[in-house]
Protein backbone atom coordinates (compact mmCIF):
# COMPACT_ATOMS: atom_id res chain seq x y z
CA UNK A 1 -27.24 71.09 -67.36
CA UNK A 2 -30.06 70.08 -66.10
CA UNK A 3 -32.14 70.62 -69.31
CA UNK A 4 -34.18 72.92 -68.22
CA UNK A 5 -31.17 75.22 -66.84
CA UNK A 6 -27.29 76.01 -66.66
CA UNK A 7 -24.32 76.86 -65.46
CA UNK A 8 -21.40 78.18 -67.75
CA UNK A 9 -18.12 78.72 -66.11
CA UNK A 10 -15.56 80.80 -67.43
CA UNK A 11 -11.66 80.13 -66.13
CA UNK A 12 -11.20 84.69 -64.57
CA UNK A 13 -14.62 83.44 -62.36
CA UNK A 14 -16.81 84.09 -64.36
CA UNK A 15 -19.81 82.96 -64.02
CA UNK A 16 -23.14 82.89 -65.91
CA UNK A 17 -26.45 81.38 -65.75
CA UNK A 18 -30.11 80.60 -66.45
CA UNK A 19 -32.98 81.27 -64.83
CA UNK A 20 -34.16 77.53 -64.32
CA UNK A 21 -30.95 76.41 -62.63
CA UNK A 22 -32.04 75.16 -59.06
CA UNK A 23 -33.64 78.41 -56.84
CA UNK A 24 -31.12 78.19 -53.43
CA UNK A 25 -27.84 77.95 -56.15
CA UNK A 26 -29.88 80.30 -58.14
CA UNK A 27 -29.59 82.92 -54.91
CA UNK A 28 -26.17 82.03 -53.89
CA UNK A 29 -24.69 82.89 -57.40
CA UNK A 30 -26.36 85.77 -57.20
CA UNK A 31 -24.95 87.09 -54.45
CA UNK A 32 -21.34 86.69 -55.81
CA UNK A 33 -21.75 89.11 -58.82
CA UNK A 34 -18.77 91.36 -57.18
CA UNK A 35 -16.73 88.92 -54.53
CA UNK A 36 -13.55 87.91 -54.90
CA UNK A 37 -12.29 84.36 -57.53
CA UNK A 38 -12.02 82.27 -54.21
CA UNK A 39 -15.65 82.76 -53.74
CA UNK A 40 -16.60 82.46 -57.13
CA UNK A 41 -18.17 78.79 -58.14
CA UNK A 42 -15.47 76.27 -59.33
CA UNK A 43 -17.20 73.47 -60.03
CA UNK A 44 -20.91 72.70 -60.84
CA UNK A 45 -23.87 70.02 -61.15
CA UNK A 46 -27.56 70.37 -61.85
CA UNK A 47 -29.73 67.30 -61.43
CA UNK A 48 -33.11 66.43 -61.99
CA UNK A 49 -35.89 67.73 -58.53
CA UNK A 50 -33.41 70.99 -57.66
CA UNK A 51 -30.93 69.00 -57.02
CA UNK A 52 -27.08 70.26 -57.23
CA UNK A 53 -23.77 70.91 -56.23
CA UNK A 54 -21.61 73.83 -56.51
CA UNK A 55 -17.80 73.90 -54.90
CA UNK A 56 -15.96 77.40 -54.58
CA UNK A 57 -12.54 78.44 -55.28
CA UNK A 58 -11.69 78.20 -51.17
CA UNK A 59 -12.58 74.84 -51.13
CA UNK A 60 -16.16 75.39 -49.60
CA UNK A 61 -19.29 73.77 -51.43
CA UNK A 62 -22.98 74.45 -51.34
CA UNK A 63 -25.28 71.09 -52.15
CA UNK A 64 -28.42 70.23 -51.93
CA UNK A 65 -29.64 66.22 -52.46
CA UNK A 66 -29.23 62.71 -51.00
CA UNK A 67 -28.63 62.10 -47.40
CA UNK A 68 -26.00 59.19 -49.08
CA UNK A 69 -23.85 62.45 -50.38
CA UNK A 70 -23.49 64.77 -48.11
CA UNK A 71 -22.33 61.66 -45.52
CA UNK A 72 -19.68 60.95 -47.94
CA UNK A 73 -18.69 64.39 -48.60
CA UNK A 74 -18.11 64.83 -44.77
CA UNK A 75 -16.26 62.07 -45.00
CA UNK A 76 -14.26 61.72 -47.69
CA UNK A 77 -13.05 66.14 -46.58
CA UNK A 78 -12.13 66.68 -50.31
CA UNK A 79 -13.14 68.04 -52.79
CA UNK A 80 -14.62 66.08 -55.97
CA UNK A 81 -13.48 66.87 -59.26
CA UNK A 82 -17.32 64.73 -60.95
CA UNK A 83 -20.83 64.72 -59.01
CA UNK A 84 -23.91 63.41 -60.91
CA UNK A 85 -27.17 63.07 -59.25
CA UNK A 86 -29.29 59.75 -60.69
CA UNK A 87 -33.11 58.79 -61.17
CA UNK A 88 -34.40 58.65 -57.86
CA UNK A 89 -34.04 61.33 -55.84
CA UNK A 90 -31.68 59.56 -53.45
CA UNK A 91 -28.94 58.16 -56.47
CA UNK A 92 -25.96 59.55 -57.33
CA UNK A 93 -21.47 59.61 -58.06
CA UNK A 94 -19.32 61.74 -57.01
CA UNK A 95 -15.67 60.78 -57.99
CA UNK A 96 -12.84 62.47 -56.42
CA UNK A 97 -9.19 63.46 -57.96
CA UNK A 98 -7.08 60.42 -56.75
CA UNK A 99 -9.67 58.26 -58.72
CA UNK A 100 -11.45 57.14 -56.06
CA UNK A 101 -14.91 56.78 -55.97
CA UNK A 102 -18.40 56.57 -54.08
CA UNK A 103 -22.23 55.78 -55.71
CA UNK A 104 -25.36 55.42 -53.72
CA UNK A 105 -28.86 55.18 -53.73
CA UNK A 106 -31.60 52.77 -55.01
CA UNK A 107 -30.99 53.10 -58.67
CA UNK A 108 -27.14 52.97 -59.30
CA UNK A 109 -27.93 51.09 -62.92
CA UNK A 110 -26.15 47.19 -62.61
CA UNK A 111 -24.00 47.62 -65.34
CA UNK A 112 -22.54 51.45 -64.44
CA UNK A 113 -21.25 49.90 -60.78
CA UNK A 114 -20.39 46.26 -62.29
CA UNK A 115 -17.75 49.24 -64.41
CA UNK A 116 -16.61 50.87 -62.04
CA UNK A 117 -15.87 47.72 -59.91
CA UNK A 118 -13.04 48.31 -57.49
CA UNK A 119 -11.30 51.19 -59.90
CA UNK A 120 -8.87 54.06 -58.37
CA UNK A 121 -8.29 55.81 -61.72
CA UNK A 122 -12.21 56.65 -62.64
CA UNK A 123 -12.37 60.45 -63.94
CA UNK A 124 -15.73 60.97 -64.39
CA UNK A 125 -19.08 59.05 -63.57
CA UNK A 126 -22.41 60.54 -64.74
CA UNK A 127 -26.03 59.64 -63.82
CA UNK A 128 -28.70 60.61 -65.71
CA UNK A 129 -32.54 61.14 -64.48
CA UNK A 130 -33.61 58.05 -66.73
CA UNK A 131 -31.50 55.33 -65.46
CA UNK A 132 -28.74 56.62 -67.97
CA UNK A 133 -25.15 56.75 -67.47
CA UNK A 134 -21.32 57.41 -68.73
CA UNK A 135 -17.98 56.78 -66.78
CA UNK A 136 -15.11 57.84 -68.08
CA UNK A 137 -11.45 56.85 -66.71
CA UNK A 138 -8.03 58.80 -66.58
CA UNK A 139 -6.66 57.07 -69.53
CA UNK A 140 -9.78 58.11 -71.95
CA UNK A 141 -11.30 54.37 -71.71
CA UNK A 142 -15.15 55.31 -71.64
CA UNK A 143 -18.43 53.75 -70.96
CA UNK A 144 -22.15 54.88 -71.73
CA UNK A 145 -25.69 53.12 -71.36
CA UNK A 146 -28.75 53.42 -70.65
CA UNK A 147 -29.29 56.16 -73.23
CA UNK A 148 -32.13 56.48 -75.83
CA UNK A 149 -31.51 55.57 -79.66
CA UNK A 150 -31.37 59.30 -81.05
CA UNK A 151 -28.31 60.01 -78.86
CA UNK A 152 -26.46 56.51 -79.04
CA UNK A 153 -26.43 57.19 -83.06
CA UNK A 154 -25.19 60.55 -82.47
CA UNK A 155 -22.29 59.26 -81.26
CA UNK A 156 -22.25 56.79 -83.64
CA UNK A 157 -22.33 59.74 -86.25
CA UNK A 158 -19.73 61.42 -84.58
CA UNK A 159 -17.12 58.98 -84.18
CA UNK A 160 -17.71 57.35 -87.60
CA UNK A 161 -16.80 60.96 -89.23
CA UNK A 162 -13.75 60.81 -86.64
CA UNK A 163 -14.43 62.98 -83.52
CA UNK A 164 -12.81 62.21 -80.40
CA UNK A 165 -15.55 62.08 -78.02
CA UNK A 166 -14.85 63.24 -74.48
CA UNK A 167 -17.82 63.21 -72.15
CA UNK A 168 -21.72 63.12 -72.27
CA UNK A 169 -23.88 64.72 -69.49
CA UNK A 170 -27.90 64.26 -69.18
CA UNK A 171 -30.49 66.68 -68.62
CA UNK A 172 -34.44 66.34 -67.88
CA UNK A 173 -37.17 65.22 -70.71
CA UNK A 174 -34.34 63.07 -73.03
CA UNK A 175 -31.88 66.05 -73.60
CA UNK A 176 -28.43 65.38 -72.77
CA UNK A 177 -25.29 66.86 -73.66
CA UNK A 178 -22.08 65.64 -75.27
CA UNK A 179 -18.47 67.41 -75.53
CA UNK A 180 -15.96 66.63 -78.76
CA UNK A 181 -13.49 67.35 -80.99
């Protein structure tokens, strides 16, 4: 989700989405209704300002976003497992299956970048439109920052109740998505 639109991916290759996703992605997904599994989305990341990244089961991808991310994707020649867009158009993070990562842009939060350091065990690295960030390692250790007090309190309440946090995502207008069990 990016706070306005949402894409749902199902294990059987099915996809559902709301009309508020970026127009270019909406058009691409609407053309896939009768396509085979390998041409369907495997991963989608939505950002503010109509930025998105969508990989397909056949190894191809569709993308609109920062030139720096485009360069990193072409240079890496491997599929990302996590793509995020930050508070300025050029700000991004990308994580690959081997735990390596890249980030760039004018507004990468300093604490986020400091936590990433020289790590090669990154699972997820998310950025938000208002400077929010979430980092999860392969060993399940997590950090987050730049979040509103309401979300901080919600996370604290979940953890105090014995729940395990798995994932945070951030959208426009202070919206967020929390995955836990």
